[in-house]
PDB file of N, CA and C in Angstrom:
ATOM      1  N   MET A   1      73.565 107.252 121.958  1.00  0.00           N
ATOM      2  CA  MET A   1      73.867 106.000 122.274  1.00  0.00           C
ATOM      3  C   MET A   1      74.758 105.371 121.090  1.00  0.00           C
ATOM      4  N   GLN A   2      75.625 104.376 121.333  1.00  0.00           N
ATOM      5  CA  GLN A   2      76.517 103.808 120.393  1.00  0.00           C
ATOM      6  C   GLN A   2      76.307 102.343 120.663  1.00  0.00           C
ATOM      7  N   LEU A   3      76.228 101.479 119.747  1.00  0.00           N
ATOM      8  CA  LEU A   3      76.090 100.111 119.870  1.00  0.00           C
ATOM      9  C   LEU A   3      76.972  99.294 118.861  1.00  0.00           C
ATOM     10  N   HIS A   4      77.770  98.368 119.571  1.00  0.00           N
ATOM     11  CA  HIS A   4      78.650  97.583 118.614  1.00  0.00           C
ATOM     12  C   HIS A   4      77.732  96.595 117.958  1.00  0.00           C
ATOM     13  N   SER A   5      78.322  96.217 116.791  1.00  0.00           N
ATOM     14  CA  SER A   5      77.456  95.256 115.972  1.00  0.00           C
ATOM     15  C   SER A   5      77.290  93.841 116.833  1.00  0.00           C
ATOM     16  N   SER A   6      78.328  93.594 117.735  1.00  0.00           N
ATOM     17  CA  SER A   6      78.254  92.249 118.432  1.00  0.00           C
ATOM     18  C   SER A   6      77.077  92.318 119.496  1.00  0.00           C
ATOM     19  N   ALA A   7      76.758  93.641 119.918  1.00  0.00           N
ATOM     20  CA  ALA A   7      75.643  93.800 120.853  1.00  0.00           C
ATOM     21  C   ALA A   7      74.217  93.914 120.298  1.00  0.00           C
ATOM     22  N   TYR A   8      74.278  94.014 118.941  1.00  0.00           N
ATOM     23  CA  TYR A   8      72.925  94.189 118.262  1.00  0.00           C
ATOM     24  C   TYR A   8      72.247  92.828 118.214  1.00  0.00           C
ATOM     25  N   ARG A   9      70.815  92.959 118.545  1.00  0.00           N
ATOM     26  CA  ARG A   9      70.139  91.711 118.570  1.00  0.00           C
ATOM     27  C   ARG A   9      68.798  91.959 117.688  1.00  0.00           C
ATOM     28  N   ASN A  10      68.170  93.179 117.704  1.00  0.00           N
ATOM     29  CA  ASN A  10      67.005  93.239 116.765  1.00  0.00           C
ATOM     30  C   ASN A  10      66.770  94.812 116.774  1.00  0.00           C
ATOM     31  N   PRO A  11      65.871  95.149 115.648  1.00  0.00           N
ATOM     32  CA  PRO A  11      65.515  96.641 115.523  1.00  0.00           C
ATOM     33  C   PRO A  11      64.882  97.334 116.769  1.00  0.00           C
ATOM     34  N   ASP A  12      64.193  96.586 117.608  1.00  0.00           N
ATOM     35  CA  ASP A  12      63.610  97.187 118.870  1.00  0.00           C
ATOM     36  C   ASP A  12      64.628  97.878 119.701  1.00  0.00           C
ATOM     37  N   GLN A  13      65.893  97.393 119.605  1.00  0.00           N
ATOM     38  CA  GLN A  13      66.837  98.339 120.453  1.00  0.00           C
ATOM     39  C   GLN A  13      66.988  99.628 119.981  1.00  0.00           C
ATOM     40  N   LEU A  14      66.632  99.925 118.796  1.00  0.00           N
ATOM     41  CA  LEU A  14      66.816 101.317 118.123  1.00  0.00           C
ATOM     42  C   LEU A  14      65.509 102.080 117.838  1.00  0.00           C
ATOM     43  N   ARG A  15      64.507 101.568 118.257  1.00  0.00           N
ATOM     44  CA  ARG A  15      63.166 102.209 117.908  1.00  0.00           C
ATOM     45  C   ARG A  15      63.137 103.528 118.672  1.00  0.00           C
ATOM     46  N   GLY A  16      62.704 104.598 117.894  1.00  0.00           N
ATOM     47  CA  GLY A  16      62.603 105.971 118.348  1.00  0.00           C
ATOM     48  C   GLY A  16      63.937 106.784 118.370  1.00  0.00           C
ATOM     49  N   ARG A  17      64.818 106.070 117.562  1.00  0.00           N
ATOM     50  CA  ARG A  17      66.258 106.703 117.665  1.00  0.00           C
ATOM     51  C   ARG A  17      66.748 106.872 116.094  1.00  0.00           C
ATOM     52  N   ARG A  18      67.534 107.736 115.891  1.00  0.00           N
ATOM     53  CA  ARG A  18      68.155 107.785 114.505  1.00  0.00           C
ATOM     54  C   ARG A  18      69.213 106.795 114.379  1.00  0.00           C
ATOM     55  N   ALA A  19      69.350 106.095 113.159  1.00  0.00           N
ATOM     56  CA  ALA A  19      70.164 104.965 113.111  1.00  0.00           C
ATOM     57  C   ALA A  19      71.267 105.295 111.993  1.00  0.00           C
ATOM     58  N   GLY A  20      72.336 105.149 112.276  1.00  0.00           N
ATOM     59  CA  GLY A  20      73.558 105.315 111.392  1.00  0.00           C
ATOM     60  C   GLY A  20      74.454 104.172 111.471  1.00  0.00           C
ATOM     61  N   ASP A  21      74.978 103.871 110.249  1.00  0.00           N
ATOM     62  CA  ASP A  21      75.821 102.649 110.242  1.00  0.00           C
ATOM     63  C   ASP A  21      77.137 102.809 109.424  1.00  0.00           C
ATOM     64  N   ARG A  22      78.014 101.877 109.551  1.00  0.00           N
ATOM     65  CA  ARG A  22      79.295 101.889 108.618  1.00  0.00           C
ATOM     66  C   ARG A  22      78.939 100.849 107.575  1.00  0.00           C
ATOM     67  N   SER A  23      79.887 100.876 106.562  1.00  0.00           N
ATOM     68  CA  SER A  23      79.525 100.019 105.280  1.00  0.00           C
ATOM     69  C   SER A  23      80.244  98.665 105.346  1.00  0.00           C
ATOM     70  N   GLY A  24      80.775  98.162 106.404  1.00  0.00           N
ATOM     71  CA  GLY A  24      81.226  96.826 106.579  1.00  0.00           C
ATOM     72  C   GLY A  24      80.149  95.891 106.260  1.00  0.00           C
ATOM     73  N   GLN A  25      80.421  94.641 106.220  1.00  0.00           N
ATOM     74  CA  GLN A  25      79.470  93.453 105.953  1.00  0.00           C
ATOM     75  C   GLN A  25      78.487  93.608 107.196  1.00  0.00           C
ATOM     76  N   SER A  26      78.746  93.618 108.388  1.00  0.00           N
ATOM     77  CA  SER A  26      77.937  93.466 109.498  1.00  0.00           C
ATOM     78  C   SER A  26      77.177  94.691 109.550  1.00  0.00           C
ATOM     79  N   GLY A  27      77.746  95.900 109.214  1.00  0.00           N
ATOM     80  CA  GLY A  27      76.943  97.183 109.205  1.00  0.00           C
ATOM     81  C   GLY A  27      75.877  97.305 108.101  1.00  0.00           C
ATOM     82  N   CYS A  28      76.304  96.613 106.904  1.00  0.00           N
ATOM     83  CA  CYS A  28      75.306  96.582 105.914  1.00  0.00           C
ATOM     84  C   CYS A  28      74.010  95.689 106.133  1.00  0.00           C
ATOM     85  N   GLN A  29      74.443  94.600 106.932  1.00  0.00           N
ATOM     86  CA  GLN A  29      73.371  93.494 107.219  1.00  0.00           C
ATOM     87  C   GLN A  29      72.358  94.225 108.235  1.00  0.00           C
ATOM     88  N   ILE A  30      73.092  94.885 109.256  1.00  0.00           N
ATOM     89  CA  ILE A  30      72.196  95.449 110.367  1.00  0.00           C
ATOM     90  C   ILE A  30      71.318  96.616 109.754  1.00  0.00           C
ATOM     91  N   ALA A  31      71.984  97.523 108.768  1.00  0.00           N
ATOM     92  CA  ALA A  31      71.225  98.459 108.149  1.00  0.00           C
ATOM     93  C   ALA A  31      70.047  97.989 107.329  1.00  0.00           C
ATOM     94  N   GLU A  32      70.124  96.931 106.658  1.00  0.00           N
ATOM     95  CA  GLU A  32      69.079  96.283 105.957  1.00  0.00           C
ATOM     96  C   GLU A  32      68.098  95.752 106.848  1.00  0.00           C
ATOM     97  N   ASP A  33      68.284  95.160 108.117  1.00  0.00           N
ATOM     98  CA  ASP A  33      67.475  94.719 108.949  1.00  0.00           C
ATOM     99  C   ASP A  33      66.606  95.889 109.561  1.00  0.00           C
ATOM    100  N   LEU A  34      67.334  97.047 109.789  1.00  0.00           N
ATOM    101  CA  LEU A  34      66.679  98.142 110.426  1.00  0.00           C
ATOM    102  C   LEU A  34      65.647  98.672 109.267  1.00  0.00           C
ATOM    103  N   HIS A  35      66.117  98.743 108.149  1.00  0.00           N
ATOM    104  CA  HIS A  35      65.419  99.411 107.140  1.00  0.00           C
ATOM    105  C   HIS A  35      64.076  98.519 106.844  1.00  0.00           C
ATOM    106  N   LEU A  36      64.280  97.178 106.897  1.00  0.00           N
ATOM    107  CA  LEU A  36      63.040  96.168 106.652  1.00  0.00           C
ATOM    108  C   LEU A  36      62.202  96.399 107.767  1.00  0.00           C
ATOM    109  N   ALA A  37      62.604  96.796 108.916  1.00  0.00           N
ATOM    110  CA  ALA A  37      61.746  97.121 110.205  1.00  0.00           C
ATOM    111  C   ALA A  37      61.021  98.452 110.060  1.00  0.00           C
ATOM    112  N   GLY A  38      61.364  99.231 109.114  1.00  0.00           N
ATOM    113  CA  GLY A  38      60.776 100.570 109.068  1.00  0.00           C
ATOM    114  C   GLY A  38      61.424 101.637 109.575  1.00  0.00           C
ATOM    115  N   LEU A  39      62.653 101.566 110.072  1.00  0.00           N
ATOM    116  CA  LEU A  39      63.507 102.526 110.506  1.00  0.00           C
ATOM    117  C   LEU A  39      64.268 103.318 109.573  1.00  0.00           C
ATOM    118  N   LYS A  40      64.416 104.608 109.648  1.00  0.00           N
ATOM    119  CA  LYS A  40      65.286 105.388 108.708  1.00  0.00           C
ATOM    120  C   LYS A  40      66.712 105.141 109.064  1.00  0.00           C
ATOM    121  N   VAL A  41      67.487 104.766 108.169  1.00  0.00           N
ATOM    122  CA  VAL A  41      68.846 104.499 108.276  1.00  0.00           C
ATOM    123  C   VAL A  41      69.752 105.267 107.405  1.00  0.00           C
ATOM    124  N   HIS A  42      70.959 105.641 107.891  1.00  0.00           N
ATOM    125  CA  HIS A  42      71.972 106.268 107.142  1.00  0.00           C
ATOM    126  C   HIS A  42      73.192 105.406 107.170  1.00  0.00           C
ATOM    127  N   LEU A  43      73.584 105.022 106.023  1.00  0.00           N
ATOM    128  CA  LEU A  43      74.686 104.063 105.811  1.00  0.00           C
ATOM    129  C   LEU A  43      75.851 105.007 105.251  1.00  0.00           C
ATOM    130  N   GLY A  44      77.004 104.960 106.119  1.00  0.00           N
ATOM    131  CA  GLY A  44      78.148 105.680 105.569  1.00  0.00           C
ATOM    132  C   GLY A  44      79.471 104.875 105.766  1.00  0.00           C
ATOM    133  N   GLY A  45      80.574 105.604 105.015  1.00  0.00           N
ATOM    134  CA  GLY A  45      81.878 104.926 105.103  1.00  0.00           C
ATOM    135  C   GLY A  45      82.322 104.762 103.833  1.00  0.00           C
ATOM    136  N   ARG A  46      83.596 104.149 103.835  1.00  0.00           N
ATOM    137  CA  ARG A  46      84.138 103.804 102.464  1.00  0.00           C
ATOM    138  C   ARG A  46      83.879 102.587 101.828  1.00  0.00           C
ATOM    139  N   SER A  47      84.235 102.465 100.687  1.00  0.00           N
ATOM    140  CA  SER A  47      83.813 101.176  99.963  1.00  0.00           C
ATOM    141  C   SER A  47      84.517 100.009 100.602  1.00  0.00           C
ATOM    142  N   ALA A  48      83.772  98.901 100.668  1.00  0.00           N
ATOM    143  CA  ALA A  48      84.343  97.773 101.292  1.00  0.00           C
ATOM    144  C   ALA A  48      83.812  96.440 100.333  1.00  0.00           C
ATOM    145  N   PRO A  49      84.703  95.553 100.489  1.00  0.00           N
ATOM    146  CA  PRO A  49      84.358  94.350  99.594  1.00  0.00           C
ATOM    147  C   PRO A  49      83.122  93.654 100.398  1.00  0.00           C
ATOM    148  N   ARG A  50      82.173  93.255  99.578  1.00  0.00           N
ATOM    149  CA  ARG A  50      81.041  92.493 100.223  1.00  0.00           C
ATOM    150  C   ARG A  50      80.498  91.500  99.355  1.00  0.00           C
ATOM    151  N   CYS A  51      79.837  90.463  99.847  1.00  0.00           N
ATOM    152  CA  CYS A  51      79.253  89.578  99.160  1.00  0.00           C
ATOM    153  C   CYS A  51      77.650  89.662  99.483  1.00  0.00           C
ATOM    154  N   PRO A  52      76.817  88.996  98.491  1.00  0.00           N
ATOM    155  CA  PRO A  52      75.425  89.030  98.743  1.00  0.00           C
ATOM    156  C   PRO A  52      75.076  88.209 100.068  1.00  0.00           C
ATOM    157  N   ARG A  53      74.070  88.733 100.832  1.00  0.00           N
ATOM    158  CA  ARG A  53      73.790  88.024 102.023  1.00  0.00           C
ATOM    159  C   ARG A  53      73.112  86.697 101.869  1.00  0.00           C
ATOM    160  N   LEU A  54      72.244  86.655 100.761  1.00  0.00           N
ATOM    161  CA  LEU A  54      71.558  85.485 100.455  1.00  0.00           C
ATOM    162  C   LEU A  54      71.943  85.111  98.983  1.00  0.00           C
ATOM    163  N   TYR A  55      72.154  83.658  98.744  1.00  0.00           N
ATOM    164  CA  TYR A  55      72.214  83.182  97.412  1.00  0.00           C
ATOM    165  C   TYR A  55      71.403  81.934  97.311  1.00  0.00           C
ATOM    166  N   ARG A  56      70.571  81.863  96.378  1.00  0.00           N
ATOM    167  CA  ARG A  56      69.659  80.703  96.303  1.00  0.00           C
ATOM    168  C   ARG A  56      68.909  80.329  97.494  1.00  0.00           C
ATOM    169  N   GLY A  57      68.633  81.421  98.156  1.00  0.00           N
ATOM    170  CA  GLY A  57      67.682  81.066  99.397  1.00  0.00           C
ATOM    171  C   GLY A  57      68.548  80.752 100.688  1.00  0.00           C
ATOM    172  N   ARG A  58      69.742  80.735 100.748  1.00  0.00           N
ATOM    173  CA  ARG A  58      70.540  80.475 101.822  1.00  0.00           C
ATOM    174  C   ARG A  58      71.584  81.772 102.000  1.00  0.00           C
ATOM    175  N   ASP A  59      72.013  81.723 103.401  1.00  0.00           N
ATOM    176  CA  ASP A  59      72.838  82.673 103.766  1.00  0.00           C
ATOM    177  C   ASP A  59      74.294  82.426 103.301  1.00  0.00           C
ATOM    178  N   ALA A  60      75.036  83.388 102.960  1.00  0.00           N
ATOM    179  CA  ALA A  60      76.304  83.206 102.177  1.00  0.00           C
ATOM    180  C   ALA A  60      77.379  82.445 103.135  1.00  0.00           C
ATOM    181  N   VAL A  61      77.086  82.667 104.460  1.00  0.00           N
ATOM    182  CA  VAL A  61      77.954  81.960 105.410  1.00  0.00           C
ATOM    183  C   VAL A  61      77.726  80.461 105.462  1.00  0.00           C
ATOM    184  N   GLU A  62      76.566  80.022 105.196  1.00  0.00           N
ATOM    185  CA  GLU A  62      76.093  78.668 104.995  1.00  0.00           C
ATOM    186  C   GLU A  62      76.906  77.946 103.799  1.00  0.00           C
ATOM    187  N   TRP A  63      76.811  78.752 102.681  1.00  0.00           N
ATOM    188  CA  TRP A  63      77.733  78.302 101.565  1.00  0.00           C
ATOM    189  C   TRP A  63      79.088  78.029 101.868  1.00  0.00           C
ATOM    190  N   LEU A  64      79.714  79.056 102.497  1.00  0.00           N
ATOM    191  CA  LEU A  64      81.058  78.937 102.723  1.00  0.00           C
ATOM    192  C   LEU A  64      81.501  77.831 103.669  1.00  0.00           C
ATOM    193  N   ASP A  65      80.592  77.509 104.621  1.00  0.00           N
ATOM    194  CA  ASP A  65      80.768  76.528 105.429  1.00  0.00           C
ATOM    195  C   ASP A  65      80.694  75.136 104.781  1.00  0.00           C
ATOM    196  N   ASP A  66      79.616  75.048 103.875  1.00  0.00           N
ATOM    197  CA  ASP A  66      79.443  73.771 103.102  1.00  0.00           C
ATOM    198  C   ASP A  66      80.625  73.421 102.149  1.00  0.00           C
ATOM    199  N   LEU A  67      81.367  74.761 101.744  1.00  0.00           N
ATOM    200  CA  LEU A  67      82.557  74.671 100.904  1.00  0.00           C
ATOM    201  C   LEU A  67      83.833  74.247 101.722  1.00  0.00           C
ATOM    202  N   GLY A  68      83.697  74.371 102.982  1.00  0.00           N
ATOM    203  CA  GLY A  68      84.876  73.965 103.831  1.00  0.00           C
ATOM    204  C   GLY A  68      85.709  75.214 104.120  1.00  0.00           C
ATOM    205  N   GLN A  69      85.368  76.387 103.824  1.00  0.00           N
ATOM    206  CA  GLN A  69      86.190  77.627 103.956  1.00  0.00           C
ATOM    207  C   GLN A  69      86.681  77.797 105.358  1.00  0.00           C
ATOM    208  N   TYR A  70      85.715  77.463 106.300  1.00  0.00           N
ATOM    209  CA  TYR A  70      86.012  77.653 107.710  1.00  0.00           C
ATOM    210  C   TYR A  70      86.881  76.635 108.189  1.00  0.00           C
ATOM    211  N   ASP A  71      87.099  75.533 107.600  1.00  0.00           N
ATOM    212  CA  ASP A  71      88.011  74.393 108.068  1.00  0.00           C
ATOM    213  C   ASP A  71      89.397  74.534 107.486  1.00  0.00           C
ATOM    214  N   LEU A  72      89.441  75.446 106.449  1.00  0.00           N
ATOM    215  CA  LEU A  72      90.739  75.387 105.647  1.00  0.00           C
ATOM    216  C   LEU A  72      91.891  76.076 106.475  1.00  0.00           C
ATOM    217  N   PRO A  73      93.042  75.463 106.762  1.00  0.00           N
ATOM    218  CA  PRO A  73      94.111  76.198 107.378  1.00  0.00           C
ATOM    219  C   PRO A  73      94.596  77.301 106.592  1.00  0.00           C
ATOM    220  N   VAL A  74      95.171  78.298 107.389  1.00  0.00           N
ATOM    221  CA  VAL A  74      95.554  79.558 106.736  1.00  0.00           C
ATOM    222  C   VAL A  74      96.724  79.262 105.653  1.00  0.00           C
ATOM    223  N   ASP A  75      97.521  78.302 105.928  1.00  0.00           N
ATOM    224  CA  ASP A  75      98.618  78.075 104.865  1.00  0.00           C
ATOM    225  C   ASP A  75      98.027  77.523 103.636  1.00  0.00           C
ATOM    226  N   GLN A  76      96.837  76.994 103.592  1.00  0.00           N
ATOM    227  CA  GLN A  76      96.228  76.451 102.427  1.00  0.00           C
ATOM    228  C   GLN A  76      95.326  77.408 101.699  1.00  0.00           C
ATOM    229  N   HIS A  77      94.971  78.572 102.426  1.00  0.00           N
ATOM    230  CA  HIS A  77      94.008  79.505 101.900  1.00  0.00           C
ATOM    231  C   HIS A  77      94.823  80.337 100.763  1.00  0.00           C
ATOM    232  N   SER A  78      93.999  80.724  99.741  1.00  0.00           N
ATOM    233  CA  SER A  78      94.646  81.547  98.764  1.00  0.00           C
ATOM    234  C   SER A  78      95.168  82.919  99.043  1.00  0.00           C
ATOM    235  N   LEU A  79      94.735  83.502 100.245  1.00  0.00           N
ATOM    236  CA  LEU A  79      95.134  84.676 100.685  1.00  0.00           C
ATOM    237  C   LEU A  79      96.194  84.486 101.794  1.00  0.00           C
ATOM    238  N   LYS A  80      96.550  83.235 102.100  1.00  0.00           N
ATOM    239  CA  LYS A  80      97.662  82.908 103.161  1.00  0.00           C
ATOM    240  C   LYS A  80      97.362  83.671 104.416  1.00  0.00           C
ATOM    241  N   GLU A  81      98.314  84.525 104.886  1.00  0.00           N
ATOM    242  CA  GLU A  81      98.217  85.144 106.232  1.00  0.00           C
ATOM    243  C   GLU A  81      97.240  86.323 106.185  1.00  0.00           C
ATOM    244  N   GLY A  82      96.804  86.822 104.864  1.00  0.00           N
ATOM    245  CA  GLY A  82      95.862  87.856 104.858  1.00  0.00           C
ATOM    246  C   GLY A  82      94.415  87.155 105.003  1.00  0.00           C
ATOM    247  N   ALA A  83      94.329  85.919 105.046  1.00  0.00           N
ATOM    248  CA  ALA A  83      92.937  85.433 105.275  1.00  0.00           C
ATOM    249  C   ALA A  83      92.652  85.768 106.882  1.00  0.00           C
ATOM    250  N   GLN A  84      93.548  85.864 107.636  1.00  0.00           N
ATOM    251  CA  GLN A  84      93.207  86.060 109.016  1.00  0.00           C
ATOM    252  C   GLN A  84      92.619  87.356 109.289  1.00  0.00           C
ATOM    253  N   ASN A  85      92.773  88.293 108.451  1.00  0.00           N
ATOM    254  CA  ASN A  85      92.134  89.649 108.474  1.00  0.00           C
ATOM    255  C   ASN A  85      90.932  89.839 107.713  1.00  0.00           C
ATOM    256  N   ALA A  86      90.976  89.010 106.549  1.00  0.00           N
ATOM    257  CA  ALA A  86      89.795  89.132 105.663  1.00  0.00           C
ATOM    258  C   ALA A  86      88.639  88.268 105.944  1.00  0.00           C
ATOM    259  N   ILE A  87      88.877  87.218 106.640  1.00  0.00           N
ATOM    260  CA  ILE A  87      87.635  86.371 106.956  1.00  0.00           C
ATOM    261  C   ILE A  87      87.251  86.401 108.362  1.00  0.00           C
ATOM    262  N   THR A  88      86.165  86.985 108.521  1.00  0.00           N
ATOM    263  CA  THR A  88      85.658  87.083 109.925  1.00  0.00           C
ATOM    264  C   THR A  88      84.159  86.574 109.989  1.00  0.00           C
ATOM    265  N   ILE A  89      83.684  86.163 111.145  1.00  0.00           N
ATOM    266  CA  ILE A  89      82.422  85.459 111.295  1.00  0.00           C
ATOM    267  C   ILE A  89      81.780  86.443 112.375  1.00  0.00           C
TER     268      ILE A  89
END
């Protein structure tokens, strides 16, 4: 069975199966969720930039939203056109 991160909802979808994941941001978050639910998880892949999921008790995406990062036009972003590939929700 193969499951895309967009179809993942909760650890119960994978109970009784071996779980393997890639090291992207979503993959790391799903791997953590599965691990905390008591499933054995293997995380593989190459290094990828990542940020902490939580900071001062809030999700990192909430902080970025509060800072206006998701309202910033690409031409005003420090990464310019590279922001289109680097920032995903």
